[in-house]
Amino acid sequence: MKTVKCRFQQIAPEGNVTWDDDNAPTKYIPAYYIDQETMKCASPAGWVGGDQVKVDLTFNGYDYTDNSFIFSFYNIYGSFPKSGPSDAVDKYIQIRGKGFRKESKILCVLNDTEVAPLSVKFETIKCPMVLETWLSN
């Protein structure tokens, strides 16, 4: 019996798949059936924030799907400040990391209140401190 697998190949900044195994090895992860229409693969470790990979699926270990998709990795290093002030007007929380993308669907969640970020850059996300969030607790 062949194992169903996902193949992760790094994409170079120019948009080409990287084939140099010394710099960006291709990674193979077992895939699992969720239901009749869904497969699940855990994303492998080893890439840093900002890396993009092409993901393909195989059912026989040799032939891979043509309808691959692109997956972007990101890392979160930390946030500042660690707690909110009593007057949260015009204040924000800065999330530091790498690999954040403006086109990603990013939401800031503070005490179960979802708000859109003030800005998204490759290495930072700024989330507004919502005054109602801090006062309700």
N, C-alpha and C. Protein backbone atom coordinates (compact mmCIF):
# COMPACT_ATOMS: atom_id res chain seq x y z
N MET A 1 0.84 -1.19 0.00
CA MET A 1 0.00 0.00 0.00
C MET A 1 0.89 1.25 0.00
N LYS A 2 0.62 2.16 -0.89
CA LYS A 2 1.37 3.41 -0.98
C LYS A 2 0.80 4.43 0.01
N THR A 3 1.68 5.23 0.57
CA THR A 3 1.27 6.28 1.47
C THR A 3 0.95 7.54 0.67
N VAL A 4 -0.16 8.15 0.97
CA VAL A 4 -0.51 9.42 0.35
C VAL A 4 0.35 10.49 1.01
N LYS A 5 0.98 11.35 0.20
CA LYS A 5 1.92 12.35 0.73
C LYS A 5 1.69 13.72 0.13
N CYS A 6 2.11 14.72 0.88
CA CYS A 6 2.21 16.09 0.38
C CYS A 6 3.69 16.38 0.17
N ARG A 7 3.99 17.08 -0.93
CA ARG A 7 5.35 17.49 -1.23
C ARG A 7 5.42 19.01 -1.10
N PHE A 8 6.35 19.50 -0.29
CA PHE A 8 6.55 20.92 -0.08
C PHE A 8 7.87 21.32 -0.74
N GLN A 9 7.81 22.23 -1.72
CA GLN A 9 9.01 22.72 -2.40
C GLN A 9 9.10 24.22 -2.25
N GLN A 10 10.25 24.70 -1.78
CA GLN A 10 10.42 26.14 -1.58
C GLN A 10 10.41 26.89 -2.90
N ILE A 11 9.82 28.07 -2.86
CA ILE A 11 9.78 28.95 -4.03
C ILE A 11 10.80 30.07 -3.81
N ALA A 12 11.68 30.26 -4.77
CA ALA A 12 12.68 31.33 -4.69
C ALA A 12 11.98 32.68 -4.82
N PRO A 13 12.63 33.75 -4.35
CA PRO A 13 12.02 35.08 -4.45
C PRO A 13 11.60 35.47 -5.86
N GLU A 14 12.27 34.91 -6.87
CA GLU A 14 11.90 35.25 -8.26
C GLU A 14 10.61 34.55 -8.68
N GLY A 15 10.08 33.64 -7.84
CA GLY A 15 8.86 32.94 -8.16
C GLY A 15 9.07 31.54 -8.71
N ASN A 16 10.32 31.11 -8.86
CA ASN A 16 10.62 29.78 -9.36
C ASN A 16 10.75 28.80 -8.20
N VAL A 17 10.41 27.54 -8.45
CA VAL A 17 10.61 26.51 -7.44
C VAL A 17 12.10 26.28 -7.29
N THR A 18 12.58 26.25 -6.03
CA THR A 18 13.99 26.03 -5.75
C THR A 18 14.28 24.53 -5.77
N TRP A 19 15.26 24.12 -6.56
CA TRP A 19 15.58 22.70 -6.66
C TRP A 19 16.87 22.35 -5.96
N ASP A 20 17.61 23.31 -5.42
CA ASP A 20 18.89 23.08 -4.77
C ASP A 20 18.65 22.49 -3.38
N ASP A 21 18.86 21.20 -3.22
CA ASP A 21 18.57 20.53 -1.95
C ASP A 21 19.43 21.01 -0.80
N ASP A 22 20.60 21.63 -1.08
CA ASP A 22 21.44 22.13 0.01
C ASP A 22 20.81 23.35 0.66
N ASN A 23 20.14 24.18 -0.12
CA ASN A 23 19.56 25.41 0.41
C ASN A 23 18.11 25.24 0.85
N ALA A 24 17.34 24.48 0.13
CA ALA A 24 15.92 24.35 0.43
C ALA A 24 15.46 22.94 0.05
N PRO A 25 15.63 21.99 0.95
CA PRO A 25 15.26 20.62 0.61
C PRO A 25 13.76 20.46 0.42
N THR A 26 13.39 19.61 -0.51
CA THR A 26 12.00 19.24 -0.68
C THR A 26 11.61 18.38 0.51
N LYS A 27 10.43 18.62 1.06
CA LYS A 27 9.98 17.88 2.24
C LYS A 27 8.71 17.12 1.90
N TYR A 28 8.64 15.89 2.39
CA TYR A 28 7.50 15.01 2.15
C TYR A 28 6.83 14.70 3.48
N ILE A 29 5.54 14.95 3.56
CA ILE A 29 4.77 14.76 4.79
C ILE A 29 3.59 13.84 4.49
N PRO A 30 3.30 12.86 5.35
CA PRO A 30 2.13 12.01 5.12
C PRO A 30 0.84 12.83 5.09
N ALA A 31 -0.06 12.45 4.22
CA ALA A 31 -1.37 13.10 4.11
C ALA A 31 -2.42 12.17 4.72
N TYR A 32 -3.47 12.76 5.24
CA TYR A 32 -4.54 12.00 5.87
C TYR A 32 -5.88 12.39 5.26
N TYR A 33 -6.74 11.41 5.08
CA TYR A 33 -8.09 11.67 4.59
C TYR A 33 -8.93 12.24 5.73
N ILE A 34 -9.56 13.38 5.47
CA ILE A 34 -10.50 13.96 6.43
C ILE A 34 -11.91 13.51 6.06
N ASP A 35 -12.24 13.64 4.79
CA ASP A 35 -13.51 13.15 4.26
C ASP A 35 -13.33 12.90 2.77
N GLN A 36 -14.42 12.69 2.03
CA GLN A 36 -14.36 12.36 0.61
C GLN A 36 -13.70 13.44 -0.24
N GLU A 37 -13.69 14.68 0.24
CA GLU A 37 -13.18 15.79 -0.56
C GLU A 37 -11.96 16.49 0.06
N THR A 38 -11.49 16.04 1.23
CA THR A 38 -10.48 16.79 1.95
C THR A 38 -9.32 15.90 2.41
N MET A 39 -8.10 16.38 2.15
CA MET A 39 -6.88 15.74 2.64
C MET A 39 -6.21 16.73 3.60
N LYS A 40 -5.46 16.21 4.55
CA LYS A 40 -4.78 17.07 5.52
C LYS A 40 -3.31 16.70 5.60
N CYS A 41 -2.43 17.73 5.53
CA CYS A 41 -0.99 17.56 5.72
C CYS A 41 -0.53 18.61 6.71
N ALA A 42 0.25 18.22 7.69
CA ALA A 42 0.85 19.20 8.60
C ALA A 42 1.97 19.91 7.86
N SER A 43 2.11 21.21 8.08
CA SER A 43 3.20 21.92 7.43
C SER A 43 4.50 21.58 8.14
N PRO A 44 5.55 21.30 7.39
CA PRO A 44 6.82 20.88 8.00
C PRO A 44 7.59 22.05 8.59
N ALA A 45 8.44 21.73 9.54
CA ALA A 45 9.31 22.74 10.15
C ALA A 45 10.54 22.95 9.27
N GLY A 46 11.28 23.98 9.56
CA GLY A 46 12.55 24.17 8.89
C GLY A 46 12.63 25.38 7.99
N TRP A 47 11.52 26.02 7.71
CA TRP A 47 11.56 27.23 6.91
C TRP A 47 11.30 28.41 7.82
N VAL A 48 11.82 29.57 7.42
CA VAL A 48 11.65 30.77 8.24
C VAL A 48 10.48 31.59 7.72
N GLY A 49 10.09 32.56 8.49
CA GLY A 49 9.02 33.45 8.06
C GLY A 49 9.35 34.15 6.77
N GLY A 50 8.41 34.17 5.89
CA GLY A 50 8.61 34.80 4.59
C GLY A 50 8.83 33.80 3.49
N ASP A 51 9.18 32.57 3.85
CA ASP A 51 9.35 31.54 2.84
C ASP A 51 8.00 31.13 2.28
N GLN A 52 7.98 30.86 0.99
CA GLN A 52 6.79 30.33 0.34
C GLN A 52 7.13 28.98 -0.25
N VAL A 53 6.17 28.07 -0.20
CA VAL A 53 6.38 26.74 -0.76
C VAL A 53 5.21 26.36 -1.66
N LYS A 54 5.52 25.54 -2.65
CA LYS A 54 4.51 24.96 -3.53
C LYS A 54 4.15 23.61 -2.92
N VAL A 55 2.86 23.33 -2.79
CA VAL A 55 2.40 22.09 -2.17
C VAL A 55 1.69 21.25 -3.22
N ASP A 56 2.14 19.99 -3.36
CA ASP A 56 1.54 19.03 -4.28
C ASP A 56 1.16 17.78 -3.51
N LEU A 57 0.27 16.98 -4.07
CA LEU A 57 -0.21 15.76 -3.43
C LEU A 57 0.03 14.57 -4.35
N THR A 58 0.42 13.42 -3.78
CA THR A 58 0.58 12.20 -4.55
C THR A 58 -0.21 11.07 -3.88
N PHE A 59 -0.77 10.21 -4.70
CA PHE A 59 -1.49 9.05 -4.19
C PHE A 59 -0.70 7.76 -4.44
N ASN A 60 0.36 7.83 -5.26
CA ASN A 60 1.13 6.63 -5.56
C ASN A 60 2.63 6.79 -5.27
N GLY A 61 3.05 7.95 -4.78
CA GLY A 61 4.45 8.16 -4.46
C GLY A 61 5.30 8.66 -5.61
N TYR A 62 4.73 8.76 -6.82
CA TYR A 62 5.49 9.18 -8.00
C TYR A 62 4.84 10.34 -8.73
N ASP A 63 3.57 10.23 -9.01
CA ASP A 63 2.85 11.24 -9.78
C ASP A 63 2.22 12.25 -8.83
N TYR A 64 2.52 13.53 -9.05
CA TYR A 64 2.00 14.58 -8.18
C TYR A 64 0.93 15.39 -8.91
N THR A 65 0.03 15.96 -8.15
CA THR A 65 -1.07 16.73 -8.70
C THR A 65 -0.57 17.95 -9.46
N ASP A 66 -1.34 18.36 -10.44
CA ASP A 66 -1.02 19.57 -11.20
C ASP A 66 -1.66 20.81 -10.58
N ASN A 67 -2.64 20.60 -9.74
CA ASN A 67 -3.36 21.74 -9.16
C ASN A 67 -2.78 22.09 -7.79
N SER A 68 -1.47 22.35 -7.76
CA SER A 68 -0.79 22.68 -6.51
C SER A 68 -1.19 24.09 -6.05
N PHE A 69 -0.87 24.39 -4.82
CA PHE A 69 -1.13 25.73 -4.30
C PHE A 69 0.12 26.23 -3.58
N ILE A 70 0.14 27.53 -3.30
CA ILE A 70 1.28 28.17 -2.65
C ILE A 70 0.93 28.39 -1.18
N PHE A 71 1.86 28.05 -0.30
CA PHE A 71 1.68 28.21 1.13
C PHE A 71 2.78 29.13 1.64
N SER A 72 2.42 30.11 2.46
CA SER A 72 3.39 31.06 3.00
C SER A 72 3.61 30.81 4.49
N PHE A 73 4.87 30.74 4.90
CA PHE A 73 5.20 30.57 6.31
C PHE A 73 5.39 31.92 6.96
N TYR A 74 5.05 32.02 8.22
CA TYR A 74 5.35 33.22 8.99
C TYR A 74 5.79 32.80 10.39
N ASN A 75 6.52 33.66 11.05
CA ASN A 75 6.96 33.44 12.43
C ASN A 75 6.58 34.65 13.26
N ILE A 76 6.17 34.40 14.49
CA ILE A 76 5.89 35.48 15.44
C ILE A 76 6.97 35.44 16.51
N TYR A 77 7.64 36.57 16.71
CA TYR A 77 8.71 36.66 17.70
C TYR A 77 8.22 37.20 19.03
N GLY A 78 7.22 38.09 19.00
CA GLY A 78 6.72 38.65 20.25
C GLY A 78 5.84 39.86 19.99
N SER A 79 5.37 40.45 21.07
CA SER A 79 4.50 41.63 20.97
C SER A 79 4.89 42.65 22.03
N PHE A 80 4.46 43.89 21.78
CA PHE A 80 4.70 44.97 22.72
C PHE A 80 3.55 45.96 22.63
N PRO A 81 3.03 46.46 23.70
CA PRO A 81 3.33 46.13 25.09
C PRO A 81 2.68 44.81 25.51
N LYS A 82 3.08 44.32 26.68
CA LYS A 82 2.55 43.05 27.19
C LYS A 82 1.20 43.21 27.87
N SER A 83 0.85 44.43 28.26
CA SER A 83 -0.48 44.68 28.85
C SER A 83 -0.94 46.05 28.40
N GLY A 84 -2.26 46.26 28.46
CA GLY A 84 -2.83 47.50 27.95
C GLY A 84 -2.98 48.57 29.01
N PRO A 85 -2.93 49.82 28.59
CA PRO A 85 -3.12 50.94 29.52
C PRO A 85 -4.61 51.13 29.83
N SER A 86 -4.91 51.93 30.84
CA SER A 86 -6.30 52.18 31.19
C SER A 86 -6.98 53.07 30.16
N ASP A 87 -6.22 53.89 29.44
CA ASP A 87 -6.79 54.72 28.37
C ASP A 87 -6.22 54.24 27.03
N ALA A 88 -6.94 53.40 26.35
CA ALA A 88 -6.44 52.76 25.13
C ALA A 88 -6.72 53.56 23.86
N VAL A 89 -7.04 54.83 23.98
CA VAL A 89 -7.31 55.66 22.81
C VAL A 89 -6.01 55.91 22.06
N ASP A 90 -6.03 55.69 20.76
CA ASP A 90 -4.87 55.90 19.89
C ASP A 90 -3.64 55.09 20.31
N LYS A 91 -3.84 53.94 20.90
CA LYS A 91 -2.74 53.05 21.28
C LYS A 91 -2.82 51.80 20.42
N TYR A 92 -1.71 51.11 20.28
CA TYR A 92 -1.70 49.88 19.50
C TYR A 92 -0.73 48.86 20.08
N ILE A 93 -0.96 47.62 19.69
CA ILE A 93 -0.05 46.53 20.03
C ILE A 93 0.72 46.20 18.77
N GLN A 94 2.02 46.08 18.89
CA GLN A 94 2.86 45.75 17.75
C GLN A 94 3.29 44.28 17.85
N ILE A 95 2.99 43.50 16.81
CA ILE A 95 3.39 42.11 16.72
C ILE A 95 4.63 42.05 15.84
N ARG A 96 5.74 41.54 16.40
CA ARG A 96 6.97 41.42 15.63
C ARG A 96 7.13 40.00 15.12
N GLY A 97 7.63 39.87 13.91
CA GLY A 97 7.85 38.55 13.33
C GLY A 97 8.44 38.67 11.95
N LYS A 98 8.13 37.69 11.12
CA LYS A 98 8.64 37.71 9.76
C LYS A 98 7.69 36.89 8.89
N GLY A 99 7.44 37.41 7.69
CA GLY A 99 6.63 36.67 6.74
C GLY A 99 5.17 37.09 6.68
N PHE A 100 4.81 38.19 7.33
CA PHE A 100 3.43 38.67 7.28
C PHE A 100 3.14 39.23 5.90
N ARG A 101 1.94 38.99 5.40
CA ARG A 101 1.57 39.41 4.05
C ARG A 101 0.28 40.22 4.09
N LYS A 102 0.29 41.36 3.42
CA LYS A 102 -0.87 42.24 3.40
C LYS A 102 -2.11 41.55 2.84
N GLU A 103 -1.91 40.66 1.85
CA GLU A 103 -3.06 40.00 1.22
C GLU A 103 -3.62 38.86 2.06
N SER A 104 -2.95 38.51 3.16
CA SER A 104 -3.47 37.47 4.05
C SER A 104 -4.65 38.02 4.84
N LYS A 105 -5.50 37.12 5.28
CA LYS A 105 -6.66 37.53 6.08
C LYS A 105 -6.23 37.57 7.54
N ILE A 106 -5.86 38.76 8.02
CA ILE A 106 -5.34 38.92 9.37
C ILE A 106 -6.37 39.67 10.21
N LEU A 107 -6.66 39.12 11.39
CA LEU A 107 -7.53 39.78 12.35
C LEU A 107 -6.82 39.86 13.68
N CYS A 108 -7.04 40.95 14.39
CA CYS A 108 -6.52 41.10 15.74
C CYS A 108 -7.66 40.73 16.68
N VAL A 109 -7.39 39.91 17.67
CA VAL A 109 -8.41 39.49 18.63
C VAL A 109 -7.92 39.85 20.02
N LEU A 110 -8.64 40.76 20.67
CA LEU A 110 -8.33 41.19 22.03
C LEU A 110 -9.54 40.92 22.90
N ASN A 111 -9.41 40.03 23.87
CA ASN A 111 -10.52 39.69 24.77
C ASN A 111 -11.80 39.39 24.00
N ASP A 112 -11.69 38.52 23.02
CA ASP A 112 -12.81 38.05 22.20
C ASP A 112 -13.42 39.13 21.29
N THR A 113 -12.74 40.26 21.12
CA THR A 113 -13.19 41.30 20.20
C THR A 113 -12.28 41.28 18.97
N GLU A 114 -12.86 41.03 17.79
CA GLU A 114 -12.09 40.99 16.54
C GLU A 114 -12.08 42.36 15.89
N VAL A 115 -10.88 42.81 15.52
CA VAL A 115 -10.74 44.09 14.81
C VAL A 115 -9.70 43.92 13.71
N ALA A 116 -9.81 44.72 12.68
CA ALA A 116 -8.83 44.70 11.59
C ALA A 116 -7.54 45.35 12.07
N PRO A 117 -6.39 44.90 11.57
CA PRO A 117 -5.13 45.52 11.95
C PRO A 117 -5.03 46.94 11.38
N LEU A 118 -4.26 47.78 12.06
CA LEU A 118 -4.00 49.13 11.55
C LEU A 118 -3.05 49.08 10.36
N SER A 119 -2.08 48.17 10.42
CA SER A 119 -1.15 48.01 9.30
C SER A 119 -0.54 46.61 9.35
N VAL A 120 -0.16 46.14 8.17
CA VAL A 120 0.52 44.85 8.04
C VAL A 120 1.73 45.07 7.15
N LYS A 121 2.91 44.82 7.69
CA LYS A 121 4.15 44.88 6.94
C LYS A 121 4.85 43.53 7.08
N PHE A 122 5.86 43.28 6.29
CA PHE A 122 6.53 41.98 6.27
C PHE A 122 6.99 41.54 7.66
N GLU A 123 7.44 42.49 8.50
CA GLU A 123 7.98 42.14 9.81
C GLU A 123 7.16 42.64 10.99
N THR A 124 6.04 43.36 10.75
CA THR A 124 5.22 43.85 11.87
C THR A 124 3.74 43.91 11.50
N ILE A 125 2.93 43.69 12.53
CA ILE A 125 1.48 43.92 12.44
C ILE A 125 1.15 44.86 13.58
N LYS A 126 0.37 45.89 13.30
CA LYS A 126 -0.08 46.80 14.36
C LYS A 126 -1.58 46.58 14.56
N CYS A 127 -1.94 46.24 15.79
CA CYS A 127 -3.33 46.00 16.16
C CYS A 127 -3.80 47.11 17.09
N PRO A 128 -4.99 47.68 16.84
CA PRO A 128 -5.48 48.74 17.72
C PRO A 128 -5.92 48.16 19.07
N MET A 129 -5.66 48.91 20.11
CA MET A 129 -6.23 48.55 21.41
C MET A 129 -7.62 49.13 21.44
N VAL A 130 -8.60 48.30 21.56
CA VAL A 130 -9.99 48.73 21.54
C VAL A 130 -10.40 49.05 22.98
N LEU A 131 -10.75 50.32 23.22
CA LEU A 131 -11.06 50.77 24.57
C LEU A 131 -12.17 49.93 25.20
N GLU A 132 -13.20 49.60 24.43
CA GLU A 132 -14.33 48.82 24.98
C GLU A 132 -13.83 47.46 25.47
N THR A 133 -12.82 46.91 24.79
CA THR A 133 -12.29 45.61 25.17
C THR A 133 -11.69 45.67 26.57
N TRP A 134 -10.90 46.72 26.83
CA TRP A 134 -10.24 46.81 28.13
C TRP A 134 -11.23 47.18 29.23
N LEU A 135 -12.22 48.01 28.93
CA LEU A 135 -13.17 48.43 29.97
C LEU A 135 -14.15 47.35 30.34
N SER A 136 -14.41 46.40 29.43
CA SER A 136 -15.41 45.37 29.71
C SER A 136 -14.89 44.30 30.66
N ASN A 137 -13.59 44.30 30.95
CA ASN A 137 -13.02 43.25 31.84
C ASN A 137 -12.67 43.76 33.20
